[in-house]
C-alpha atoms as a PDB file:
ATOM      1  CA  MET A   1     132.672 180.506 -15.418  1.00  0.00           C
ATOM      2  CA  LEU A   2     129.545 180.130 -13.293  1.00  0.00           C
ATOM      3  CA  GLN A   3     129.538 182.722 -10.496  1.00  0.00           C
ATOM      4  CA  ILE A   4     127.085 182.845  -7.577  1.00  0.00           C
ATOM      5  CA  ASN A   5     127.335 186.053  -5.536  1.00  0.00           C
ATOM      6  CA  ASP A   6     125.434 186.744  -2.297  1.00  0.00           C
ATOM      7  CA  LEU A   7     122.483 184.684  -3.512  1.00  0.00           C
ATOM      8  CA  THR A   8     119.320 184.934  -1.457  1.00  0.00           C
ATOM      9  CA  TYR A   9     116.185 183.089  -2.513  1.00  0.00           C
ATOM     10  CA  ARG A  10     112.989 182.313  -0.599  1.00  0.00           C
ATOM     11  CA  ILE A  11     109.984 180.126  -1.277  1.00  0.00           C
ATOM     12  CA  GLU A  12     106.841 181.371   0.479  1.00  0.00           C
ATOM     13  CA  GLY A  13     109.018 183.263   2.931  1.00  0.00           C
ATOM     14  CA  ARG A  14     111.267 180.283   3.735  1.00  0.00           C
ATOM     15  CA  PRO A  15     114.894 180.995   2.786  1.00  0.00           C
ATOM     16  CA  LEU A  16     116.676 178.319   0.775  1.00  0.00           C
ATOM     17  CA  PHE A  17     119.770 180.457   0.211  1.00  0.00           C
ATOM     18  CA  GLU A  18     121.067 183.365   2.293  1.00  0.00           C
ATOM     19  CA  GLN A  19     123.985 185.335   0.867  1.00  0.00           C
ATOM     20  CA  ALA A  20     125.389 182.143  -0.680  1.00  0.00           C
ATOM     21  CA  ASN A  21     128.546 182.289  -2.789  1.00  0.00           C
ATOM     22  CA  ALA A  22     130.279 179.860  -5.144  1.00  0.00           C
ATOM     23  CA  ALA A  23     132.421 179.877  -8.283  1.00  0.00           C
ATOM     24  CA  ILE A  24     132.661 177.036 -10.824  1.00  0.00           C
ATOM     25  CA  SER A  25     135.328 177.129 -13.525  1.00  0.00           C
ATOM     26  CA  GLU A  26     135.230 175.849 -17.076  1.00  0.00           C
ATOM     27  CA  GLY A  27     135.793 172.121 -17.429  1.00  0.00           C
ATOM     28  CA  TRP A  28     134.903 171.179 -13.852  1.00  0.00           C
ATOM     29  CA  LYS A  29     132.647 168.184 -13.201  1.00  0.00           C
ATOM     30  CA  VAL A  30     130.793 169.262 -10.079  1.00  0.00           C
ATOM     31  CA  GLY A  31     128.794 166.939  -7.842  1.00  0.00           C
ATOM     32  CA  PHE A  32     126.084 168.946  -6.081  1.00  0.00           C
ATOM     33  CA  VAL A  33     125.118 167.550  -2.656  1.00  0.00           C
ATOM     34  CA  GLY A  34     122.864 168.489   0.242  1.00  0.00           C
ATOM     35  CA  ARG A  35     119.934 167.148   2.208  1.00  0.00           C
ATOM     36  CA  ASN A  36     116.592 166.485   0.516  1.00  0.00           C
ATOM     37  CA  GLY A  37     114.521 169.634   0.141  1.00  0.00           C
ATOM     38  CA  ALA A  38     117.474 171.953   0.794  1.00  0.00           C
ATOM     39  CA  GLY A  39     117.154 173.621  -2.614  1.00  0.00           C
ATOM     40  CA  LYS A  40     119.471 171.792  -5.026  1.00  0.00           C
ATOM     41  CA  SER A  41     116.926 171.539  -7.845  1.00  0.00           C
ATOM     42  CA  THR A  42     115.941 175.150  -7.197  1.00  0.00           C
ATOM     43  CA  LEU A  43     119.538 176.257  -7.715  1.00  0.00           C
ATOM     44  CA  LEU A  44     119.624 174.492 -11.084  1.00  0.00           C
ATOM     45  CA  ARG A  45     116.512 176.441 -12.078  1.00  0.00           C
ATOM     46  CA  LEU A  46     118.154 179.665 -10.918  1.00  0.00           C
ATOM     47  CA  ILE A  47     121.206 178.859 -13.032  1.00  0.00           C
ATOM     48  CA  ARG A  48     119.010 178.167 -16.083  1.00  0.00           C
ATOM     49  CA  GLY A  49     117.188 181.445 -15.542  1.00  0.00           C
ATOM     50  CA  ASP A  50     113.806 179.811 -14.892  1.00  0.00           C
ATOM     51  CA  LEU A  51     113.780 181.506 -11.475  1.00  0.00           C
ATOM     52  CA  HIS A  52     115.245 184.811 -10.320  1.00  0.00           C
ATOM     53  CA  PRO A  53     117.056 185.584  -7.039  1.00  0.00           C
ATOM     54  CA  ASP A  54     115.449 187.708  -4.345  1.00  0.00           C
ATOM     55  CA  ASP A  55     118.887 189.220  -3.889  1.00  0.00           C
ATOM     56  CA  GLY A  56     122.377 188.659  -5.240  1.00  0.00           C
ATOM     57  CA  ALA A  57     123.177 187.222  -8.645  1.00  0.00           C
ATOM     58  CA  VAL A  58     123.771 184.007 -10.565  1.00  0.00           C
ATOM     59  CA  THR A  59     126.028 184.810 -13.512  1.00  0.00           C
ATOM     60  CA  VAL A  60     126.895 182.435 -16.351  1.00  0.00           C
ATOM     61  CA  ASN A  61     129.401 183.126 -19.113  1.00  0.00           C
ATOM     62  CA  PRO A  62     127.201 184.775 -21.777  1.00  0.00           C
ATOM     63  CA  ARG A  63     128.788 182.631 -24.491  1.00  0.00           C
ATOM     64  CA  TRP A  64     127.864 179.387 -22.742  1.00  0.00           C
ATOM     65  CA  ARG A  65     124.904 177.275 -23.818  1.00  0.00           C
ATOM     66  CA  ILE A  66     123.092 175.692 -20.861  1.00  0.00           C
ATOM     67  CA  GLY A  67     121.463 172.273 -21.162  1.00  0.00           C
ATOM     68  CA  GLY A  68     119.485 170.047 -18.829  1.00  0.00           C
ATOM     69  CA  VAL A  69     116.662 167.515 -18.745  1.00  0.00           C
ATOM     70  CA  ALA A  70     113.471 169.376 -17.887  1.00  0.00           C
ATOM     71  CA  GLN A  71     111.005 166.591 -18.733  1.00  0.00           C
ATOM     72  CA  GLU A  72     110.639 163.335 -20.642  1.00  0.00           C
ATOM     73  CA  ALA A  73     110.518 163.307 -24.428  1.00  0.00           C
ATOM     74  CA  PRO A  74     106.899 163.569 -25.687  1.00  0.00           C
ATOM     75  CA  ALA A  75     105.090 160.373 -26.632  1.00  0.00           C
ATOM     76  CA  SER A  76     105.083 161.305 -30.310  1.00  0.00           C
ATOM     77  CA  SER A  77     105.346 159.346 -33.555  1.00  0.00           C
ATOM     78  CA  VAL A  78     108.875 160.655 -34.169  1.00  0.00           C
ATOM     79  CA  PRO A  79     111.629 158.000 -34.132  1.00  0.00           C
ATOM     80  CA  LEU A  80     113.984 158.210 -31.153  1.00  0.00           C
ATOM     81  CA  VAL A  81     117.081 158.974 -33.204  1.00  0.00           C
ATOM     82  CA  ASP A  82     115.336 161.893 -34.896  1.00  0.00           C
ATOM     83  CA  ILE A  83     114.243 163.285 -31.515  1.00  0.00           C
ATOM     84  CA  VAL A  84     117.857 163.231 -30.334  1.00  0.00           C
ATOM     85  CA  LEU A  85     119.127 164.809 -33.550  1.00  0.00           C
ATOM     86  CA  GLY A  86     116.589 167.592 -33.071  1.00  0.00           C
ATOM     87  CA  PHE A  87     118.312 168.686 -29.867  1.00  0.00           C
ATOM     88  CA  ASP A  88     121.132 170.159 -31.961  1.00  0.00           C
ATOM     89  CA  LEU A  89     119.178 173.288 -32.826  1.00  0.00           C
ATOM     90  CA  GLU A  90     121.877 174.828 -35.003  1.00  0.00           C
ATOM     91  CA  ARG A  91     122.212 171.708 -37.139  1.00  0.00           C
ATOM     92  CA  ALA A  92     118.434 171.445 -37.518  1.00  0.00           C
ATOM     93  CA  ARG A  93     118.180 175.117 -38.467  1.00  0.00           C
ATOM     94  CA  LEU A  94     120.987 174.897 -41.025  1.00  0.00           C
ATOM     95  CA  LEU A  95     119.546 171.773 -42.653  1.00  0.00           C
ATOM     96  CA  GLN A  96     116.144 173.405 -42.905  1.00  0.00           C
ATOM     97  CA  GLU A  97     117.661 176.531 -44.428  1.00  0.00           C
ATOM     98  CA  LEU A  98     119.655 174.402 -46.875  1.00  0.00           C
ATOM     99  CA  GLU A  99     116.459 172.840 -48.191  1.00  0.00           C
ATOM    100  CA  HIS A 100     115.002 176.225 -49.108  1.00  0.00           C
ATOM    101  CA  SER A 101     118.057 178.271 -50.051  1.00  0.00           C
ATOM    102  CA  SER A 102     118.829 179.040 -53.699  1.00  0.00           C
ATOM    103  CA  ASP A 103     121.740 181.411 -53.108  1.00  0.00           C
ATOM    104  CA  PRO A 104     124.973 179.583 -54.075  1.00  0.00           C
ATOM    105  CA  GLN A 105     127.077 181.661 -51.675  1.00  0.00           C
ATOM    106  CA  ARG A 106     124.737 180.996 -48.763  1.00  0.00           C
ATOM    107  CA  ILE A 107     124.591 177.280 -49.616  1.00  0.00           C
ATOM    108  CA  ALA A 108     128.398 177.174 -49.511  1.00  0.00           C
ATOM    109  CA  GLU A 109     128.386 178.953 -46.128  1.00  0.00           C
ATOM    110  CA  ILE A 110     125.878 176.463 -44.755  1.00  0.00           C
ATOM    111  CA  HIS A 111     127.952 173.495 -45.907  1.00  0.00           C
ATOM    112  CA  THR A 112     131.053 175.037 -44.312  1.00  0.00           C
ATOM    113  CA  ARG A 113     129.279 175.544 -41.021  1.00  0.00           C
ATOM    114  CA  LEU A 114     127.817 172.020 -41.095  1.00  0.00           C
ATOM    115  CA  ALA A 115     131.341 170.700 -41.560  1.00  0.00           C
ATOM    116  CA  ASP A 116     132.579 172.853 -38.661  1.00  0.00           C
ATOM    117  CA  ILE A 117     130.025 171.339 -36.275  1.00  0.00           C
ATOM    118  CA  ALA A 118     130.658 167.788 -37.557  1.00  0.00           C
ATOM    119  CA  ALA A 119     127.099 167.445 -38.829  1.00  0.00           C
ATOM    120  CA  HIS A 120     128.160 164.543 -41.068  1.00  0.00           C
ATOM    121  CA  SER A 121     128.746 162.385 -37.963  1.00  0.00           C
ATOM    122  CA  ALA A 122     125.660 163.551 -36.079  1.00  0.00           C
ATOM    123  CA  GLU A 123     123.562 160.438 -36.706  1.00  0.00           C
ATOM    124  CA  ALA A 124     126.381 158.139 -35.605  1.00  0.00           C
ATOM    125  CA  ARG A 125     126.937 160.199 -32.443  1.00  0.00           C
ATOM    126  CA  ALA A 126     123.217 160.230 -31.633  1.00  0.00           C
ATOM    127  CA  ALA A 127     123.002 156.480 -32.176  1.00  0.00           C
ATOM    128  CA  GLY A 128     126.024 155.896 -29.955  1.00  0.00           C
ATOM    129  CA  ILE A 129     124.521 157.879 -27.090  1.00  0.00           C
ATOM    130  CA  LEU A 130     121.174 156.098 -27.393  1.00  0.00           C
ATOM    131  CA  ALA A 131     122.962 152.751 -27.440  1.00  0.00           C
ATOM    132  CA  GLY A 132     124.875 153.687 -24.296  1.00  0.00           C
ATOM    133  CA  LEU A 133     121.609 154.467 -22.546  1.00  0.00           C
ATOM    134  CA  GLY A 134     120.143 151.076 -23.449  1.00  0.00           C
ATOM    135  CA  PHE A 135     118.408 151.472 -26.833  1.00  0.00           C
ATOM    136  CA  SER A 136     119.107 148.890 -29.517  1.00  0.00           C
ATOM    137  CA  ALA A 137     119.522 149.845 -33.168  1.00  0.00           C
ATOM    138  CA  ALA A 138     115.961 148.675 -33.817  1.00  0.00           C
ATOM    139  CA  ASP A 139     114.608 150.643 -30.833  1.00  0.00           C
ATOM    140  CA  GLN A 140     116.179 153.838 -32.109  1.00  0.00           C
ATOM    141  CA  LYS A 141     113.991 153.710 -35.225  1.00  0.00           C
ATOM    142  CA  ARG A 142     110.782 153.183 -33.255  1.00  0.00           C
ATOM    143  CA  PRO A 143     108.475 156.093 -32.331  1.00  0.00           C
ATOM    144  CA  ALA A 144     108.688 157.580 -28.853  1.00  0.00           C
ATOM    145  CA  SER A 145     105.059 156.636 -28.223  1.00  0.00           C
ATOM    146  CA  ASP A 146     106.157 152.983 -28.039  1.00  0.00           C
ATOM    147  CA  PHE A 147     108.078 153.652 -24.813  1.00  0.00           C
ATOM    148  CA  SER A 148     107.155 154.336 -21.194  1.00  0.00           C
ATOM    149  CA  GLY A 149     107.847 157.608 -19.403  1.00  0.00           C
ATOM    150  CA  GLY A 150     111.041 156.258 -17.827  1.00  0.00           C
ATOM    151  CA  TRP A 151     112.458 155.297 -21.199  1.00  0.00           C
ATOM    152  CA  ARG A 152     111.442 158.649 -22.675  1.00  0.00           C
ATOM    153  CA  MET A 153     113.407 160.319 -19.863  1.00  0.00           C
ATOM    154  CA  ARG A 154     116.434 158.456 -21.218  1.00  0.00           C
ATOM    155  CA  VAL A 155     115.649 159.833 -24.675  1.00  0.00           C
ATOM    156  CA  ALA A 156     115.547 163.371 -23.248  1.00  0.00           C
ATOM    157  CA  LEU A 157     118.874 162.741 -21.494  1.00  0.00           C
ATOM    158  CA  ALA A 158     120.350 161.421 -24.740  1.00  0.00           C
ATOM    159  CA  GLY A 159     119.234 164.591 -26.529  1.00  0.00           C
ATOM    160  CA  VAL A 160     120.853 166.873 -23.949  1.00  0.00           C
ATOM    161  CA  LEU A 161     124.117 164.903 -24.044  1.00  0.00           C
ATOM    162  CA  PHE A 162     124.072 164.981 -27.846  1.00  0.00           C
ATOM    163  CA  SER A 163     123.627 168.770 -27.873  1.00  0.00           C
ATOM    164  CA  ALA A 164     126.863 169.081 -25.819  1.00  0.00           C
ATOM    165  CA  PRO A 165     126.016 172.264 -23.884  1.00  0.00           C
ATOM    166  CA  ASP A 166     128.829 174.343 -22.394  1.00  0.00           C
ATOM    167  CA  LEU A 167     127.149 173.960 -19.000  1.00  0.00           C
ATOM    168  CA  LEU A 168     125.453 170.592 -18.489  1.00  0.00           C
ATOM    169  CA  LEU A 169     122.953 170.467 -15.593  1.00  0.00           C
ATOM    170  CA  LEU A 170     121.764 167.024 -14.474  1.00  0.00           C
ATOM    171  CA  ASP A 171     119.344 166.334 -11.611  1.00  0.00           C
ATOM    172  CA  GLU A 172     119.597 162.759 -10.279  1.00  0.00           C
ATOM    173  CA  PRO A 173     120.323 161.313 -13.747  1.00  0.00           C
ATOM    174  CA  THR A 174     120.855 157.752 -12.489  1.00  0.00           C
ATOM    175  CA  ASN A 175     117.327 157.551 -11.072  1.00  0.00           C
ATOM    176  CA  TYR A 176     115.958 156.300 -14.391  1.00  0.00           C
ATOM    177  CA  LEU A 177     119.003 154.309 -15.540  1.00  0.00           C
ATOM    178  CA  ASP A 178     119.909 150.687 -14.971  1.00  0.00           C
ATOM    179  CA  ILE A 179     123.428 149.694 -13.891  1.00  0.00           C
ATOM    180  CA  GLU A 180     124.716 149.464 -17.456  1.00  0.00           C
ATOM    181  CA  GLY A 181     123.308 152.885 -18.334  1.00  0.00           C
ATOM    182  CA  ALA A 182     124.744 154.455 -15.177  1.00  0.00           C
ATOM    183  CA  ILE A 183     128.200 153.018 -15.903  1.00  0.00           C
ATOM    184  CA  TRP A 184     128.049 154.337 -19.472  1.00  0.00           C
ATOM    185  CA  LEU A 185     126.988 157.790 -18.198  1.00  0.00           C
ATOM    186  CA  GLU A 186     129.897 157.825 -15.738  1.00  0.00           C
ATOM    187  CA  SER A 187     132.316 157.237 -18.597  1.00  0.00           C
ATOM    188  CA  PHE A 188     130.620 159.894 -20.734  1.00  0.00           C
ATOM    189  CA  ILE A 189     130.845 162.543 -18.011  1.00  0.00           C
ATOM    190  CA  ARG A 190     134.489 161.774 -17.235  1.00  0.00           C
ATOM    191  CA  ARG A 191     135.305 162.363 -20.918  1.00  0.00           C
ATOM    192  CA  TYR A 192     132.994 165.381 -21.265  1.00  0.00           C
ATOM    193  CA  PRO A 193     135.208 168.319 -22.276  1.00  0.00           C
ATOM    194  CA  LYS A 194     132.911 171.008 -20.907  1.00  0.00           C
ATOM    195  CA  THR A 195     131.413 171.937 -17.519  1.00  0.00           C
ATOM    196  CA  ALA A 196     128.842 169.815 -15.687  1.00  0.00           C
ATOM    197  CA  VAL A 197     126.877 170.252 -12.450  1.00  0.00           C
ATOM    198  CA  ILE A 198     125.249 167.034 -11.279  1.00  0.00           C
ATOM    199  CA  VAL A 199     122.805 166.627  -8.405  1.00  0.00           C
ATOM    200  CA  SER A 200     123.108 163.084  -7.093  1.00  0.00           C
ATOM    201  CA  HIS A 201     122.734 161.041  -3.908  1.00  0.00           C
ATOM    202  CA  ASP A 202     124.758 158.231  -5.487  1.00  0.00           C
ATOM    203  CA  ARG A 203     128.076 158.436  -3.650  1.00  0.00           C
ATOM    204  CA  ASP A 204     129.808 155.939  -5.937  1.00  0.00           C
ATOM    205  CA  PHE A 205     128.647 157.820  -9.032  1.00  0.00           C
ATOM    206  CA  LEU A 206     130.086 161.085  -7.697  1.00  0.00           C
ATOM    207  CA  ASN A 207     133.337 159.386  -6.687  1.00  0.00           C
ATOM    208  CA  ARG A 208     133.792 158.231 -10.259  1.00  0.00           C
ATOM    209  CA  THR A 209     132.766 161.455 -12.020  1.00  0.00           C
ATOM    210  CA  ALA A 210     133.278 164.559  -9.875  1.00  0.00           C
ATOM    211  CA  THR A 211     136.376 166.738  -9.917  1.00  0.00           C
ATOM    212  CA  HIS A 212     134.752 169.079  -7.358  1.00  0.00           C
ATOM    213  CA  ILE A 213     131.890 169.001  -4.865  1.00  0.00           C
ATOM    214  CA  LEU A 214     129.392 171.841  -4.437  1.00  0.00           C
ATOM    215  CA  ALA A 215     127.697 171.499  -1.041  1.00  0.00           C
ATOM    216  CA  LEU A 216     124.516 173.190   0.163  1.00  0.00           C
ATOM    217  CA  GLU A 217     124.319 173.353   3.948  1.00  0.00           C
ATOM    218  CA  ASN A 218     122.592 175.817   6.266  1.00  0.00           C
ATOM    219  CA  ARG A 219     121.542 177.910   3.254  1.00  0.00           C
ATOM    220  CA  LYS A 220     125.186 178.448   2.254  1.00  0.00           C
ATOM    221  CA  LEU A 221     127.246 177.038  -0.617  1.00  0.00           C
ATOM    222  CA  SER A 222     130.806 175.750  -0.524  1.00  0.00           C
ATOM    223  CA  VAL A 223     133.055 174.274  -3.214  1.00  0.00           C
ATOM    224  CA  SER A 224     135.883 171.822  -2.562  1.00  0.00           C
ATOM    225  CA  ALA A 225     138.248 170.022  -4.913  1.00  0.00           C
ATOM    226  CA  GLY A 226     138.090 166.242  -5.194  1.00  0.00           C
ATOM    227  CA  ASP A 227     135.450 163.524  -5.280  1.00  0.00           C
ATOM    228  CA  TYR A 228     132.713 162.845  -2.733  1.00  0.00           C
ATOM    229  CA  ASP A 229     134.867 160.800  -0.342  1.00  0.00           C
ATOM    230  CA  THR A 230     137.441 163.599  -0.276  1.00  0.00           C
ATOM    231  CA  TYR A 231     134.693 166.129   0.484  1.00  0.00           C
ATOM    232  CA  GLU A 232     133.244 163.953   3.262  1.00  0.00           C
ATOM    233  CA  ARG A 233     136.676 163.448   4.847  1.00  0.00           C
ATOM    234  CA  LYS A 234     137.338 167.206   4.816  1.00  0.00           C
ATOM    235  CA  ARG A 235     133.866 167.841   6.233  1.00  0.00           C
ATOM    236  CA  ILE A 236     134.400 165.416   9.137  1.00  0.00           C
ATOM    237  CA  GLU A 237     137.834 166.906   9.845  1.00  0.00           C
ATOM    238  CA  ALA A 238     136.413 170.446   9.817  1.00  0.00           C
ATOM    239  CA  ARG A 239     133.640 169.482  12.236  1.00  0.00           C
ATOM    240  CA  ALA A 240     136.138 167.745  14.538  1.00  0.00           C
ATOM    241  CA  ASN A 241     138.367 170.821  14.497  1.00  0.00           C
ATOM    242  CA  ALA A 242     135.396 173.080  15.218  1.00  0.00           C
ATOM    243  CA  MET A 243     134.302 170.882  18.128  1.00  0.00           C
ATOM    244  CA  ALA A 244     137.846 170.836  19.515  1.00  0.00           C
ATOM    245  CA  PHE A 245     138.047 174.615  19.222  1.00  0.00           C
ATOM    246  CA  ARG A 246     134.714 175.024  21.033  1.00  0.00           C
ATOM    247  CA  ALA A 247     135.829 172.594  23.751  1.00  0.00           C
ATOM    248  CA  LYS A 248     139.057 174.583  24.194  1.00  0.00           C
ATOM    249  CA  GLN A 249     137.092 177.833  24.411  1.00  0.00           C
ATOM    250  CA  GLU A 250     134.731 176.320  26.977  1.00  0.00           C
ATOM    251  CA  ALA A 251     137.657 175.064  29.089  1.00  0.00           C
ATOM    252  CA  GLN A 252     139.215 178.528  28.998  1.00  0.00           C
ATOM    253  CA  ARG A 253     135.881 180.077  29.952  1.00  0.00           C
ATOM    254  CA  ARG A 254     135.488 177.728  32.925  1.00  0.00           C
ATOM    255  CA  HIS A 255     139.054 178.431  34.044  1.00  0.00           C
ATOM    256  CA  MET A 256     138.490 182.197  33.877  1.00  0.00           C
ATOM    257  CA  GLN A 257     135.165 181.897  35.690  1.00  0.00           C
ATOM    258  CA  ALA A 258     136.815 179.888  38.451  1.00  0.00           C
ATOM    259  CA  PHE A 259     139.501 182.575  38.813  1.00  0.00           C
ATOM    260  CA  ILE A 260     136.856 185.296  38.988  1.00  0.00           C
ATOM    261  CA  ASP A 261     134.790 183.433  41.576  1.00  0.00           C
ATOM    262  CA  ARG A 262     137.880 182.829  43.716  1.00  0.00           C
ATOM    263  CA  PHE A 263     139.618 186.187  43.599  1.00  0.00           C
ATOM    264  CA  ARG A 264     136.950 188.808  42.875  1.00  0.00           C
ATOM    265  CA  ALA A 265     136.741 189.787  46.557  1.00  0.00           C
ATOM    266  CA  LYS A 266     140.508 190.000  47.077  1.00  0.00           C
ATOM    267  CA  ALA A 267     141.928 193.471  46.537  1.00  0.00           C
ATOM    268  CA  SER A 268     145.269 192.138  45.298  1.00  0.00           C
ATOM    269  CA  LYS A 269     143.561 190.158  42.537  1.00  0.00           C
ATOM    270  CA  ALA A 270     140.629 192.478  41.811  1.00  0.00           C
ATOM    271  CA  LYS A 271     142.094 194.011  38.641  1.00  0.00           C
ATOM    272  CA  GLN A 272     142.884 190.578  37.193  1.00  0.00           C
ATOM    273  CA  ALA A 273     139.405 189.365  38.054  1.00  0.00           C
ATOM    274  CA  GLN A 274     137.810 192.401  36.398  1.00  0.00           C
ATOM    275  CA  SER A 275     139.863 191.886  33.215  1.00  0.00           C
ATOM    276  CA  ARG A 276     138.684 188.284  33.063  1.00  0.00           C
ATOM    277  CA  ILE A 277     135.085 189.377  33.540  1.00  0.00           C
ATOM    278  CA  LYS A 278     135.465 191.651  30.516  1.00  0.00           C
ATOM    279  CA  ALA A 279     137.039 188.790  28.531  1.00  0.00           C
ATOM    280  CA  LEU A 280     134.095 186.535  29.306  1.00  0.00           C
END
């Protein structure tokens, strides 16, 4: 679980969060919404541990691995498929150890662990993700330096998806995807067996991927079940109810004020008028 308790965080004295609370359970696909500049990207950095709260706490299951796209893949001479494979740090570490190990027992342990994490299918999985994001089989063998920054952002996204973190954090992932890539990503997220938090202004994307909506408004957080349209409908209903309640309160206030103005001077009604004054 991801738990946010009484979170307060300020940037140069300006509060982005004030005693904000939210809880996200395992397996949820959470669309994170709020106005531009409200602090959505900042919250992702707080969750990753890149930033620290001024007060309160952001707590992630200690067994969870967190993954997100921080920047584009470097413009190196490494082929794209190898860059993506490198995002699985455990696989890379085990393969490197296997090359240098001479202990038969340890070699057997490494092979067992590689089988447990399906390392034999890693290249096929990496290729499938790259293909979904728009890279042909030939492109996948080309060095990253052959591609522009936007395409290298796709490579970085492919690497994070390949690594399959327990908590996947994505910040406007469709910004650097074409329609085909966005549709493929929608399908991937719907099938993703773990937890994801996705910042997006794409209403249709959230309607097709989100099981819950995390909303940032007035420095507070709220979580509601359902897609974006469900959240928006509930939000409009809540505002209408709040306005109706305020209108009812105002009508009652006017009625009480009228009673006070009319009967304050009359001895027979003085007690009632005084009680209404206290109520106001």
